[in-house]
Amino acid sequence: MKLSPLAQRRLARFKANRRSWYATWLFSVLFLICLGGELVANDQPLIVGYHGGLYFPVFAHHTEQEFGGELPFSPDWRSTYVRQLLERQGGWAIFAPIPFSADTVNYDLTAPAPSAPSRVNLLGTDDQARDVLARVIYGARVSILFGLALTAISALIGITAGALQGYYGGWVDLIGQRILEVWAGLPVLYLLIILSGFVEPNFWWLLGIMALFSWLTLVDVVRAEFLRGRNLEYVKAARALGMDDRRIMFRHILPNAMTSTLTYLPFILTGAISTLTALDFLGFGMPAGSASLGELISQGKDNLQAPWLGLTAFFSLALILSLLVFIGEGFRDAFDPRA
């Protein structure tokens, strides 16, 4: 698909910002690694060869009996017994680069948990003997996906509300602004903490509650653009020709309003990740035992004798948020109408 001259100029300005351009590529690579977390960090083999057949335990469930064992359960692939079963029949197994999943307990530690970084656990283990690097990969994936989903929902609701207020004005705008003032005054974090006492928090519950408030950021920006755009000559001409309001709003005014709106999205994403991390740190976020950066920060606070926990969480979160801020700055400069 060929880009328009305006889109080409914006892309060139974005590439000219080397920090934002490199941040985009680095974030994309890290995000792809996190998305394929099961292929990078897993206690199940990626491929198993046995009796001339190929098995993929990382994608399908297999029992120990299928490989000559006695139990009708999933085998412990890291045990000596299962390895001997495979070797008797000339079998083999290929494991992920990190042979631990997010909830895998390393029973072979030579020091009490949390143990320091080693060749087996590159970033050490937490206080439950789980690999920190694996939990960072899985926790970062949850945080980024949560932020992306919340940003998409916020953009949909915020753009629609701002467009309606700005285009129709009058009583619609007046009532909408009063509702926004009341809604924006509600303490989101306290409401989440209070509501967590009535229902068990999970990914979708947190996403739904936070989506009720996160869209407020975009309303004022879109509203201002529509208030300005509805008085332009081409909009008046379209209205005079009988074009319906929906087509005028979303076909003619919205593309111009998206210029300023897009620059806000990376910052909404960083805010969503930070809020989820804060809730996990306080114990009101994802279910107990879930891999998350906030839970890792909490473990670092509780285990000051294991500084690798807090440092890993800090640098992981700082890297993700810094990359997103750099990307947001690039979008802001690329879509700046003064350029």
C-alpha atoms as a PDB file:
ATOM      1  CA  MET A   1       0.000   0.000   0.000  1.00  0.00           C
ATOM      2  CA  LYS A   2       1.421   3.336  -1.080  1.00  0.00           C
ATOM      3  CA  LEU A   3       1.487   6.051   1.545  1.00  0.00           C
ATOM      4  CA  SER A   4       0.181   9.524   0.867  1.00  0.00           C
ATOM      5  CA  PRO A   5       2.737  12.364   0.628  1.00  0.00           C
ATOM      6  CA  LEU A   6       1.658  13.618   4.072  1.00  0.00           C
ATOM      7  CA  ALA A   7       2.086  10.148   5.619  1.00  0.00           C
ATOM      8  CA  GLN A   8       5.491   9.822   3.964  1.00  0.00           C
ATOM      9  CA  ARG A   9       6.635  13.132   5.452  1.00  0.00           C
ATOM     10  CA  ARG A  10       5.423  12.061   8.909  1.00  0.00           C
ATOM     11  CA  LEU A  11       7.217   8.736   8.614  1.00  0.00           C
ATOM     12  CA  ALA A  12      10.400  10.531   7.539  1.00  0.00           C
ATOM     13  CA  ARG A  13      10.169  12.854  10.554  1.00  0.00           C
ATOM     14  CA  PHE A  14       9.645   9.856  12.838  1.00  0.00           C
ATOM     15  CA  LYS A  15      12.693   8.090  11.386  1.00  0.00           C
ATOM     16  CA  ALA A  16      14.730  11.279  11.763  1.00  0.00           C
ATOM     17  CA  ASN A  17      14.226  11.027  15.518  1.00  0.00           C
ATOM     18  CA  ARG A  18      16.826   8.289  15.971  1.00  0.00           C
ATOM     19  CA  ARG A  19      16.018   7.711  19.631  1.00  0.00           C
ATOM     20  CA  SER A  20      12.343   7.073  18.881  1.00  0.00           C
ATOM     21  CA  TRP A  21      13.128   4.954  15.831  1.00  0.00           C
ATOM     22  CA  TYR A  22      15.540   2.680  17.694  1.00  0.00           C
ATOM     23  CA  ALA A  23      13.168   2.546  20.681  1.00  0.00           C
ATOM     24  CA  THR A  24      10.392   1.329  18.376  1.00  0.00           C
ATOM     25  CA  TRP A  25      12.509  -1.503  17.022  1.00  0.00           C
ATOM     26  CA  LEU A  26      13.819  -2.498  20.444  1.00  0.00           C
ATOM     27  CA  PHE A  27      10.328  -2.476  21.969  1.00  0.00           C
ATOM     28  CA  SER A  28       8.998  -4.550  19.050  1.00  0.00           C
ATOM     29  CA  VAL A  29      11.713  -7.174  19.522  1.00  0.00           C
ATOM     30  CA  LEU A  30      11.140  -7.372  23.279  1.00  0.00           C
ATOM     31  CA  PHE A  31       7.381  -7.576  22.801  1.00  0.00           C
ATOM     32  CA  LEU A  32       7.726 -10.427  20.302  1.00  0.00           C
ATOM     33  CA  ILE A  33       9.953 -12.297  22.759  1.00  0.00           C
ATOM     34  CA  CYS A  34       7.352 -11.829  25.493  1.00  0.00           C
ATOM     35  CA  LEU A  35       4.518 -12.919  23.181  1.00  0.00           C
ATOM     36  CA  GLY A  36       6.383 -16.128  22.447  1.00  0.00           C
ATOM     37  CA  GLY A  37       7.208 -16.644  26.100  1.00  0.00           C
ATOM     38  CA  GLU A  38       6.298 -20.344  25.982  1.00  0.00           C
ATOM     39  CA  LEU A  39       8.965 -20.855  23.313  1.00  0.00           C
ATOM     40  CA  VAL A  40      11.600 -18.954  25.286  1.00  0.00           C
ATOM     41  CA  ALA A  41      10.917 -19.977  28.895  1.00  0.00           C
ATOM     42  CA  ASN A  42       9.195 -23.293  29.522  1.00  0.00           C
ATOM     43  CA  ASP A  43       9.742 -26.411  31.590  1.00  0.00           C
ATOM     44  CA  GLN A  44       8.137 -28.498  28.820  1.00  0.00           C
ATOM     45  CA  PRO A  45      10.235 -29.572  25.827  1.00  0.00           C
ATOM     46  CA  LEU A  46       9.600 -27.805  22.545  1.00  0.00           C
ATOM     47  CA  ILE A  47      10.056 -31.014  20.548  1.00  0.00           C
ATOM     48  CA  VAL A  48      10.418 -34.635  21.646  1.00  0.00           C
ATOM     49  CA  GLY A  49      11.537 -37.437  19.346  1.00  0.00           C
ATOM     50  CA  TYR A  50      10.391 -40.906  20.429  1.00  0.00           C
ATOM     51  CA  HIS A  51       9.953 -44.150  18.481  1.00  0.00           C
ATOM     52  CA  GLY A  52      10.358 -42.321  15.199  1.00  0.00           C
ATOM     53  CA  GLY A  53       7.583 -39.840  15.986  1.00  0.00           C
ATOM     54  CA  LEU A  54       7.659 -36.190  16.933  1.00  0.00           C
ATOM     55  CA  TYR A  55       5.803 -34.792  19.930  1.00  0.00           C
ATOM     56  CA  PHE A  56       5.259 -31.169  20.920  1.00  0.00           C
ATOM     57  CA  PRO A  57       4.604 -31.057  24.685  1.00  0.00           C
ATOM     58  CA  VAL A  58       4.677 -27.251  24.713  1.00  0.00           C
ATOM     59  CA  PHE A  59       1.510 -27.222  22.594  1.00  0.00           C
ATOM     60  CA  ALA A  60      -0.217 -30.520  23.515  1.00  0.00           C
ATOM     61  CA  HIS A  61      -0.666 -32.617  26.648  1.00  0.00           C
ATOM     62  CA  HIS A  62       1.164 -35.940  26.804  1.00  0.00           C
ATOM     63  CA  THR A  63       1.275 -38.532  29.568  1.00  0.00           C
ATOM     64  CA  GLU A  64       4.216 -40.433  30.948  1.00  0.00           C
ATOM     65  CA  GLN A  65       2.712 -43.698  29.663  1.00  0.00           C
ATOM     66  CA  GLU A  66       3.199 -42.538  26.071  1.00  0.00           C
ATOM     67  CA  PHE A  67       6.944 -42.601  26.650  1.00  0.00           C
ATOM     68  CA  GLY A  68       7.168 -45.940  28.441  1.00  0.00           C
ATOM     69  CA  GLY A  69       6.364 -44.732  31.946  1.00  0.00           C
ATOM     70  CA  GLU A  70       3.756 -45.904  34.421  1.00  0.00           C
ATOM     71  CA  LEU A  71       1.775 -42.797  35.408  1.00  0.00           C
ATOM     72  CA  PRO A  72      -1.154 -41.378  33.389  1.00  0.00           C
ATOM     73  CA  PHE A  73       0.023 -37.821  34.113  1.00  0.00           C
ATOM     74  CA  SER A  74       2.222 -35.289  32.415  1.00  0.00           C
ATOM     75  CA  PRO A  75       5.857 -36.361  32.928  1.00  0.00           C
ATOM     76  CA  ASP A  76       8.399 -34.333  34.844  1.00  0.00           C
ATOM     77  CA  TRP A  77      10.690 -33.703  31.906  1.00  0.00           C
ATOM     78  CA  ARG A  78      13.512 -32.422  34.100  1.00  0.00           C
ATOM     79  CA  SER A  79      13.665 -35.607  36.177  1.00  0.00           C
ATOM     80  CA  THR A  80      16.341 -38.261  35.678  1.00  0.00           C
ATOM     81  CA  TYR A  81      13.693 -40.983  35.407  1.00  0.00           C
ATOM     82  CA  VAL A  82      11.977 -39.447  32.364  1.00  0.00           C
ATOM     83  CA  ARG A  83      15.297 -38.775  30.659  1.00  0.00           C
ATOM     84  CA  GLN A  84      16.246 -42.416  31.115  1.00  0.00           C
ATOM     85  CA  LEU A  85      12.922 -43.479  29.578  1.00  0.00           C
ATOM     86  CA  LEU A  86      13.732 -41.488  26.460  1.00  0.00           C
ATOM     87  CA  GLU A  87      17.342 -42.690  26.272  1.00  0.00           C
ATOM     88  CA  ARG A  88      16.287 -46.362  26.398  1.00  0.00           C
ATOM     89  CA  GLN A  89      14.437 -45.934  23.118  1.00  0.00           C
ATOM     90  CA  GLY A  90      16.905 -43.547  21.562  1.00  0.00           C
ATOM     91  CA  GLY A  91      14.590 -40.615  22.197  1.00  0.00           C
ATOM     92  CA  TRP A  92      15.628 -37.006  22.515  1.00  0.00           C
ATOM     93  CA  ALA A  93      14.155 -33.688  23.624  1.00  0.00           C
ATOM     94  CA  ILE A  94      14.811 -30.032  22.757  1.00  0.00           C
ATOM     95  CA  PHE A  95      14.089 -27.581  25.563  1.00  0.00           C
ATOM     96  CA  ALA A  96      13.529 -23.834  25.513  1.00  0.00           C
ATOM     97  CA  PRO A  97      16.571 -21.582  26.164  1.00  0.00           C
ATOM     98  CA  ILE A  98      15.216 -20.990  29.671  1.00  0.00           C
ATOM     99  CA  PRO A  99      14.087 -24.400  31.053  1.00  0.00           C
ATOM    100  CA  PHE A 100      11.648 -22.855  33.518  1.00  0.00           C
ATOM    101  CA  SER A 101       8.109 -21.564  33.207  1.00  0.00           C
ATOM    102  CA  ALA A 102       6.660 -18.738  35.272  1.00  0.00           C
ATOM    103  CA  ASP A 103       5.418 -21.100  38.002  1.00  0.00           C
ATOM    104  CA  THR A 104       8.169 -23.748  37.837  1.00  0.00           C
ATOM    105  CA  VAL A 105       9.802 -24.424  41.188  1.00  0.00           C
ATOM    106  CA  ASN A 106      13.498 -25.255  41.029  1.00  0.00           C
ATOM    107  CA  TYR A 107      13.970 -28.051  43.583  1.00  0.00           C
ATOM    108  CA  ASP A 108      17.658 -28.400  42.769  1.00  0.00           C
ATOM    109  CA  LEU A 109      18.847 -25.152  44.330  1.00  0.00           C
ATOM    110  CA  THR A 110      22.123 -25.282  46.191  1.00  0.00           C
ATOM    111  CA  ALA A 111      21.193 -22.286  48.365  1.00  0.00           C
ATOM    112  CA  PRO A 112      17.987 -21.258  50.158  1.00  0.00           C
ATOM    113  CA  ALA A 113      15.438 -19.300  48.114  1.00  0.00           C
ATOM    114  CA  PRO A 114      15.604 -16.567  47.060  1.00  0.00           C
ATOM    115  CA  SER A 115      18.888 -17.668  45.523  1.00  0.00           C
ATOM    116  CA  ALA A 116      21.381 -15.413  43.772  1.00  0.00           C
ATOM    117  CA  PRO A 117      21.880 -15.372  39.984  1.00  0.00           C
ATOM    118  CA  SER A 118      23.698 -18.410  38.624  1.00  0.00           C
ATOM    119  CA  ARG A 119      24.303 -20.246  35.347  1.00  0.00           C
ATOM    120  CA  VAL A 120      21.011 -22.103  35.791  1.00  0.00           C
ATOM    121  CA  ASN A 121      18.912 -19.134  36.963  1.00  0.00           C
ATOM    122  CA  LEU A 122      20.449 -16.145  35.206  1.00  0.00           C
ATOM    123  CA  LEU A 123      18.569 -13.580  37.319  1.00  0.00           C
ATOM    124  CA  GLY A 124      18.245 -15.757  40.392  1.00  0.00           C
ATOM    125  CA  THR A 125      15.060 -17.107  41.953  1.00  0.00           C
ATOM    126  CA  ASP A 126      12.336 -15.515  44.038  1.00  0.00           C
ATOM    127  CA  ASP A 127      11.324 -16.528  47.563  1.00  0.00           C
ATOM    128  CA  GLN A 128       9.384 -19.505  46.165  1.00  0.00           C
ATOM    129  CA  ALA A 129      12.339 -20.829  44.121  1.00  0.00           C
ATOM    130  CA  ARG A 130      10.832 -19.729  40.802  1.00  0.00           C
ATOM    131  CA  ASP A 131      13.070 -18.428  38.014  1.00  0.00           C
ATOM    132  CA  VAL A 132      13.052 -14.613  37.990  1.00  0.00           C
ATOM    133  CA  LEU A 133      13.869 -14.222  34.290  1.00  0.00           C
ATOM    134  CA  ALA A 134      10.954 -16.457  33.269  1.00  0.00           C
ATOM    135  CA  ARG A 135       8.587 -14.513  35.520  1.00  0.00           C
ATOM    136  CA  VAL A 136       9.821 -11.219  34.064  1.00  0.00           C
ATOM    137  CA  ILE A 137       9.071 -12.430  30.523  1.00  0.00           C
ATOM    138  CA  TYR A 138       5.575 -13.635  31.407  1.00  0.00           C
ATOM    139  CA  GLY A 139       4.862 -10.647  33.653  1.00  0.00           C
ATOM    140  CA  ALA A 140       5.968  -8.133  31.015  1.00  0.00           C
ATOM    141  CA  ARG A 141       3.696  -9.820  28.486  1.00  0.00           C
ATOM    142  CA  VAL A 142       0.678  -9.463  30.774  1.00  0.00           C
ATOM    143  CA  SER A 143       1.505  -5.815  31.485  1.00  0.00           C
ATOM    144  CA  ILE A 144       1.984  -4.856  27.831  1.00  0.00           C
ATOM    145  CA  LEU A 145      -1.115  -6.712  26.613  1.00  0.00           C
ATOM    146  CA  PHE A 146      -3.128  -5.138  29.420  1.00  0.00           C
ATOM    147  CA  GLY A 147      -1.855  -1.695  28.463  1.00  0.00           C
ATOM    148  CA  LEU A 148      -2.567  -2.208  24.758  1.00  0.00           C
ATOM    149  CA  ALA A 149      -6.097  -3.469  25.416  1.00  0.00           C
ATOM    150  CA  LEU A 150      -6.836  -0.603  27.801  1.00  0.00           C
ATOM    151  CA  THR A 151      -5.436   1.946  25.345  1.00  0.00           C
ATOM    152  CA  ALA A 152      -7.613   0.598  22.513  1.00  0.00           C
ATOM    153  CA  ILE A 153     -10.770   0.699  24.647  1.00  0.00           C
ATOM    154  CA  SER A 154      -9.913   4.161  25.956  1.00  0.00           C
ATOM    155  CA  ALA A 155      -9.349   5.465  22.444  1.00  0.00           C
ATOM    156  CA  LEU A 156     -12.684   4.084  21.226  1.00  0.00           C
ATOM    157  CA  ILE A 157     -14.719   5.549  24.092  1.00  0.00           C
ATOM    158  CA  GLY A 158     -12.778   8.812  24.423  1.00  0.00           C
ATOM    159  CA  ILE A 159     -12.822   9.641  20.714  1.00  0.00           C
ATOM    160  CA  THR A 160     -16.550   8.893  20.431  1.00  0.00           C
ATOM    161  CA  ALA A 161     -17.452  10.989  23.491  1.00  0.00           C
ATOM    162  CA  GLY A 162     -15.228  13.896  22.432  1.00  0.00           C
ATOM    163  CA  ALA A 163     -16.551  13.808  18.880  1.00  0.00           C
ATOM    164  CA  LEU A 164     -20.182  13.963  20.005  1.00  0.00           C
ATOM    165  CA  GLN A 165     -19.522  16.835  22.398  1.00  0.00           C
ATOM    166  CA  GLY A 166     -17.458  18.864  19.978  1.00  0.00           C
ATOM    167  CA  TYR A 167     -19.631  18.375  16.910  1.00  0.00           C
ATOM    168  CA  TYR A 168     -23.055  18.999  18.419  1.00  0.00           C
ATOM    169  CA  GLY A 169     -22.019  21.487  21.116  1.00  0.00           C
ATOM    170  CA  GLY A 170     -24.834  23.223  23.008  1.00  0.00           C
ATOM    171  CA  TRP A 171     -26.591  21.156  25.625  1.00  0.00           C
ATOM    172  CA  VAL A 172     -24.797  17.992  24.550  1.00  0.00           C
ATOM    173  CA  ASP A 173     -21.451  19.613  25.267  1.00  0.00           C
ATOM    174  CA  LEU A 174     -22.643  21.295  28.464  1.00  0.00           C
ATOM    175  CA  ILE A 175     -24.111  18.129  29.994  1.00  0.00           C
ATOM    176  CA  GLY A 176     -21.182  16.048  28.810  1.00  0.00           C
ATOM    177  CA  GLN A 177     -18.675  18.371  30.471  1.00  0.00           C
ATOM    178  CA  ARG A 178     -20.514  18.281  33.788  1.00  0.00           C
ATOM    179  CA  ILE A 179     -20.578  14.474  33.683  1.00  0.00           C
ATOM    180  CA  LEU A 180     -16.869  14.401  32.898  1.00  0.00           C
ATOM    181  CA  GLU A 181     -16.084  16.698  35.827  1.00  0.00           C
ATOM    182  CA  VAL A 182     -17.897  14.420  38.258  1.00  0.00           C
ATOM    183  CA  TRP A 183     -16.468  11.244  36.699  1.00  0.00           C
ATOM    184  CA  ALA A 184     -12.896  12.567  36.689  1.00  0.00           C
ATOM    185  CA  GLY A 185     -13.143  13.420  40.401  1.00  0.00           C
ATOM    186  CA  LEU A 186     -13.630   9.787  41.431  1.00  0.00           C
ATOM    187  CA  PRO A 187     -10.508   8.205  42.989  1.00  0.00           C
ATOM    188  CA  VAL A 188      -9.799   5.311  40.634  1.00  0.00           C
ATOM    189  CA  LEU A 189      -7.142   3.564  42.722  1.00  0.00           C
ATOM    190  CA  TYR A 190      -9.258   3.634  45.888  1.00  0.00           C
ATOM    191  CA  LEU A 191     -12.287   2.322  44.013  1.00  0.00           C
ATOM    192  CA  LEU A 192     -10.232  -0.590  42.676  1.00  0.00           C
ATOM    193  CA  ILE A 193      -8.999  -1.407  46.173  1.00  0.00           C
ATOM    194  CA  ILE A 194     -12.514  -1.229  47.628  1.00  0.00           C
ATOM    195  CA  LEU A 195     -14.081  -3.312  44.851  1.00  0.00           C
ATOM    196  CA  SER A 196     -11.366  -5.966  45.192  1.00  0.00           C
ATOM    197  CA  GLY A 197     -12.934  -6.824  48.531  1.00  0.00           C
ATOM    198  CA  PHE A 198     -16.148  -7.918  46.777  1.00  0.00           C
ATOM    199  CA  VAL A 199     -14.804  -9.794  43.742  1.00  0.00           C
ATOM    200  CA  GLU A 200     -11.575 -11.641  43.019  1.00  0.00           C
ATOM    201  CA  PRO A 201      -9.385  -9.476  40.760  1.00  0.00           C
ATOM    202  CA  ASN A 202      -8.330 -10.862  37.387  1.00  0.00           C
ATOM    203  CA  PHE A 203      -7.159  -9.549  34.032  1.00  0.00           C
ATOM    204  CA  TRP A 204     -10.606  -8.843  32.580  1.00  0.00           C
ATOM    205  CA  TRP A 205     -12.064  -7.441  35.787  1.00  0.00           C
ATOM    206  CA  LEU A 206      -9.216  -4.951  36.155  1.00  0.00           C
ATOM    207  CA  LEU A 207      -9.418  -4.060  32.474  1.00  0.00           C
ATOM    208  CA  GLY A 208     -13.145  -3.335  32.701  1.00  0.00           C
ATOM    209  CA  ILE A 209     -12.867  -1.180  35.825  1.00  0.00           C
ATOM    210  CA  MET A 210      -9.918   0.849  34.556  1.00  0.00           C
ATOM    211  CA  ALA A 211     -11.545   1.308  31.152  1.00  0.00           C
ATOM    212  CA  LEU A 212     -14.369   3.202  32.889  1.00  0.00           C
ATOM    213  CA  PHE A 213     -11.933   6.010  33.740  1.00  0.00           C
ATOM    214  CA  SER A 214      -8.922   5.911  31.414  1.00  0.00           C
ATOM    215  CA  TRP A 215     -10.815   7.333  28.395  1.00  0.00           C
ATOM    216  CA  LEU A 216     -11.200  10.748  30.037  1.00  0.00           C
ATOM    217  CA  THR A 217      -7.740  11.830  28.858  1.00  0.00           C
ATOM    218  CA  LEU A 218      -8.714  11.879  25.191  1.00  0.00           C
ATOM    219  CA  VAL A 219     -12.073  13.596  25.451  1.00  0.00           C
ATOM    220  CA  ASP A 220     -10.799  17.155  25.802  1.00  0.00           C
ATOM    221  CA  VAL A 221      -8.367  16.802  22.894  1.00  0.00           C
ATOM    222  CA  VAL A 222     -10.934  15.342  20.492  1.00  0.00           C
ATOM    223  CA  ARG A 223     -13.622  17.769  21.672  1.00  0.00           C
ATOM    224  CA  ALA A 224     -11.401  20.780  20.920  1.00  0.00           C
ATOM    225  CA  GLU A 225     -10.569  19.472  17.449  1.00  0.00           C
ATOM    226  CA  PHE A 226     -14.248  18.897  16.622  1.00  0.00           C
ATOM    227  CA  LEU A 227     -15.255  22.317  17.970  1.00  0.00           C
ATOM    228  CA  ARG A 228     -12.755  23.840  15.561  1.00  0.00           C
ATOM    229  CA  GLY A 229     -13.443  21.485  12.668  1.00  0.00           C
ATOM    230  CA  ARG A 230     -17.223  21.829  12.591  1.00  0.00           C
ATOM    231  CA  ASN A 231     -16.897  25.495  11.558  1.00  0.00           C
ATOM    232  CA  LEU A 232     -14.528  24.884   8.645  1.00  0.00           C
ATOM    233  CA  GLU A 233     -15.771  25.611   5.148  1.00  0.00           C
ATOM    234  CA  TYR A 234     -15.570  22.064   3.782  1.00  0.00           C
ATOM    235  CA  VAL A 235     -17.643  20.785   6.721  1.00  0.00           C
ATOM    236  CA  LYS A 236     -20.301  23.437   6.131  1.00  0.00           C
ATOM    237  CA  ALA A 237     -20.314  22.531   2.438  1.00  0.00           C
ATOM    238  CA  ALA A 238     -20.766  18.838   3.220  1.00  0.00           C
ATOM    239  CA  ARG A 239     -23.636  19.650   5.565  1.00  0.00           C
ATOM    240  CA  ALA A 240     -25.262  21.859   2.923  1.00  0.00           C
ATOM    241  CA  LEU A 241     -25.064  19.037   0.379  1.00  0.00           C
ATOM    242  CA  GLY A 242     -27.081  16.829   2.716  1.00  0.00           C
ATOM    243  CA  MET A 243     -24.366  14.558   4.045  1.00  0.00           C
ATOM    244  CA  ASP A 244     -25.407  12.938   7.337  1.00  0.00           C
ATOM    245  CA  ASP A 245     -23.681  13.863  10.602  1.00  0.00           C
ATOM    246  CA  ARG A 246     -22.056  10.471  11.117  1.00  0.00           C
ATOM    247  CA  ARG A 247     -20.191  10.603   7.820  1.00  0.00           C
ATOM    248  CA  ILE A 248     -19.123  14.211   8.389  1.00  0.00           C
ATOM    249  CA  MET A 249     -17.820  13.417  11.870  1.00  0.00           C
ATOM    250  CA  PHE A 250     -15.906  10.239  11.180  1.00  0.00           C
ATOM    251  CA  ARG A 251     -14.915  10.734   7.546  1.00  0.00           C
ATOM    252  CA  HIS A 252     -14.039  14.426   7.344  1.00  0.00           C
ATOM    253  CA  ILE A 253     -13.324  15.794  10.838  1.00  0.00           C
ATOM    254  CA  LEU A 254     -11.947  12.756  12.678  1.00  0.00           C
ATOM    255  CA  PRO A 255      -8.879  12.220  10.405  1.00  0.00           C
ATOM    256  CA  ASN A 256      -7.706  15.746  11.274  1.00  0.00           C
ATOM    257  CA  ALA A 257      -8.444  15.217  14.968  1.00  0.00           C
ATOM    258  CA  MET A 258      -6.428  11.984  15.010  1.00  0.00           C
ATOM    259  CA  THR A 259      -3.221  13.960  14.504  1.00  0.00           C
ATOM    260  CA  SER A 260      -3.252  15.232  18.073  1.00  0.00           C
ATOM    261  CA  THR A 261      -4.999  12.146  19.464  1.00  0.00           C
ATOM    262  CA  LEU A 262      -2.361   9.647  18.348  1.00  0.00           C
ATOM    263  CA  THR A 263       0.342  11.467  20.304  1.00  0.00           C
ATOM    264  CA  TYR A 264      -1.498  10.721  23.557  1.00  0.00           C
ATOM    265  CA  LEU A 265      -1.838   6.963  23.056  1.00  0.00           C
ATOM    266  CA  PRO A 266       1.715   5.896  24.066  1.00  0.00           C
ATOM    267  CA  PHE A 267       1.378   7.889  27.285  1.00  0.00           C
ATOM    268  CA  ILE A 268      -1.968   6.239  28.070  1.00  0.00           C
ATOM    269  CA  LEU A 269      -0.204   2.915  27.527  1.00  0.00           C
ATOM    270  CA  THR A 270       2.557   3.788  30.005  1.00  0.00           C
ATOM    271  CA  GLY A 271      -0.041   4.936  32.544  1.00  0.00           C
ATOM    272  CA  ALA A 272      -1.934   1.643  32.220  1.00  0.00           C
ATOM    273  CA  ILE A 273       1.226  -0.419  32.775  1.00  0.00           C
ATOM    274  CA  SER A 274       2.206   1.714  35.783  1.00  0.00           C
ATOM    275  CA  THR A 275      -1.262   1.417  37.343  1.00  0.00           C
ATOM    276  CA  LEU A 276      -1.341  -2.375  36.935  1.00  0.00           C
ATOM    277  CA  THR A 277       2.138  -2.611  38.460  1.00  0.00           C
ATOM    278  CA  ALA A 278       1.058  -0.473  41.417  1.00  0.00           C
ATOM    279  CA  LEU A 279      -2.023  -2.627  42.019  1.00  0.00           C
ATOM    280  CA  ASP A 280       0.052  -5.825  41.860  1.00  0.00           C
ATOM    281  CA  PHE A 281       2.543  -4.327  44.295  1.00  0.00           C
ATOM    282  CA  LEU A 282      -0.269  -3.509  46.753  1.00  0.00           C
ATOM    283  CA  GLY A 283      -1.803  -6.965  46.328  1.00  0.00           C
ATOM    284  CA  PHE A 284      -4.985  -5.777  44.579  1.00  0.00           C
ATOM    285  CA  GLY A 285      -4.043  -6.651  41.008  1.00  0.00           C
ATOM    286  CA  MET A 286      -3.702  -9.991  39.267  1.00  0.00           C
ATOM    287  CA  PRO A 287      -4.581 -13.202  41.163  1.00  0.00           C
ATOM    288  CA  ALA A 288      -2.049 -14.436  43.708  1.00  0.00           C
ATOM    289  CA  GLY A 289       0.806 -16.348  42.106  1.00  0.00           C
ATOM    290  CA  SER A 290       0.464 -14.659  38.718  1.00  0.00           C
ATOM    291  CA  ALA A 291       3.684 -13.484  37.126  1.00  0.00           C
ATOM    292  CA  SER A 292       3.786  -9.687  37.253  1.00  0.00           C
ATOM    293  CA  LEU A 293       6.311  -6.913  37.645  1.00  0.00           C
ATOM    294  CA  GLY A 294       4.445  -5.470  40.622  1.00  0.00           C
ATOM    295  CA  GLU A 295       4.574  -8.786  42.453  1.00  0.00           C
ATOM    296  CA  LEU A 296       8.321  -8.939  41.812  1.00  0.00           C
ATOM    297  CA  ILE A 297       8.743  -5.438  43.274  1.00  0.00           C
ATOM    298  CA  SER A 298       6.782  -6.556  46.335  1.00  0.00           C
ATOM    299  CA  GLN A 299       9.115  -9.549  46.736  1.00  0.00           C
ATOM    300  CA  GLY A 300      12.099  -7.222  46.482  1.00  0.00           C
ATOM    301  CA  LYS A 301      10.651  -5.114  49.308  1.00  0.00           C
ATOM    302  CA  ASP A 302      10.093  -8.169  51.479  1.00  0.00           C
ATOM    303  CA  ASN A 303      13.516  -9.678  50.750  1.00  0.00           C
ATOM    304  CA  LEU A 304      16.037  -6.895  51.111  1.00  0.00           C
ATOM    305  CA  GLN A 305      18.783  -9.496  51.420  1.00  0.00           C
ATOM    306  CA  ALA A 306      18.091 -10.407  47.758  1.00  0.00           C
ATOM    307  CA  PRO A 307      18.695  -7.139  45.868  1.00  0.00           C
ATOM    308  CA  TRP A 308      18.474  -8.843  42.465  1.00  0.00           C
ATOM    309  CA  LEU A 309      14.685  -9.062  42.870  1.00  0.00           C
ATOM    310  CA  GLY A 310      14.090  -5.337  43.264  1.00  0.00           C
ATOM    311  CA  LEU A 311      16.779  -4.376  40.742  1.00  0.00           C
ATOM    312  CA  THR A 312      15.387  -6.744  38.084  1.00  0.00           C
ATOM    313  CA  ALA A 313      11.866  -5.391  38.530  1.00  0.00           C
ATOM    314  CA  PHE A 314      13.096  -1.787  38.501  1.00  0.00           C
ATOM    315  CA  PHE A 315      15.217  -2.067  35.350  1.00  0.00           C
ATOM    316  CA  SER A 316      12.547  -4.118  33.516  1.00  0.00           C
ATOM    317  CA  LEU A 317       9.842  -1.572  34.259  1.00  0.00           C
ATOM    318  CA  ALA A 318      12.163   1.373  33.577  1.00  0.00           C
ATOM    319  CA  LEU A 319      13.159  -0.084  30.197  1.00  0.00           C
ATOM    320  CA  ILE A 320       9.554  -0.688  29.071  1.00  0.00           C
ATOM    321  CA  LEU A 321       8.287   2.716  30.175  1.00  0.00           C
ATOM    322  CA  SER A 322      11.315   4.564  28.783  1.00  0.00           C
ATOM    323  CA  LEU A 323      10.924   2.945  25.370  1.00  0.00           C
ATOM    324  CA  LEU A 324       7.225   3.826  25.278  1.00  0.00           C
ATOM    325  CA  VAL A 325       7.957   7.439  26.263  1.00  0.00           C
ATOM    326  CA  PHE A 326      10.575   7.711  23.509  1.00  0.00           C
ATOM    327  CA  ILE A 327       8.082   6.278  20.994  1.00  0.00           C
ATOM    328  CA  GLY A 328       5.449   8.768  22.181  1.00  0.00           C
ATOM    329  CA  GLU A 329       7.867  11.649  21.699  1.00  0.00           C
ATOM    330  CA  GLY A 330       8.526  10.463  18.162  1.00  0.00           C
ATOM    331  CA  PHE A 331       4.801  10.354  17.384  1.00  0.00           C
ATOM    332  CA  ARG A 332       4.349  13.813  18.875  1.00  0.00           C
ATOM    333  CA  ASP A 333       7.078  15.308  16.694  1.00  0.00           C
ATOM    334  CA  ALA A 334       5.982  13.425  13.569  1.00  0.00           C
ATOM    335  CA  PHE A 335       2.348  14.538  13.824  1.00  0.00           C
ATOM    336  CA  ASP A 336       3.101  18.095  14.967  1.00  0.00           C
ATOM    337  CA  PRO A 337       1.134  20.359  12.564  1.00  0.00           C
ATOM    338  CA  ARG A 338       3.744  23.110  13.020  1.00  0.00           C
ATOM    339  CA  ALA A 339       6.284  20.845  11.288  1.00  0.00           C
END
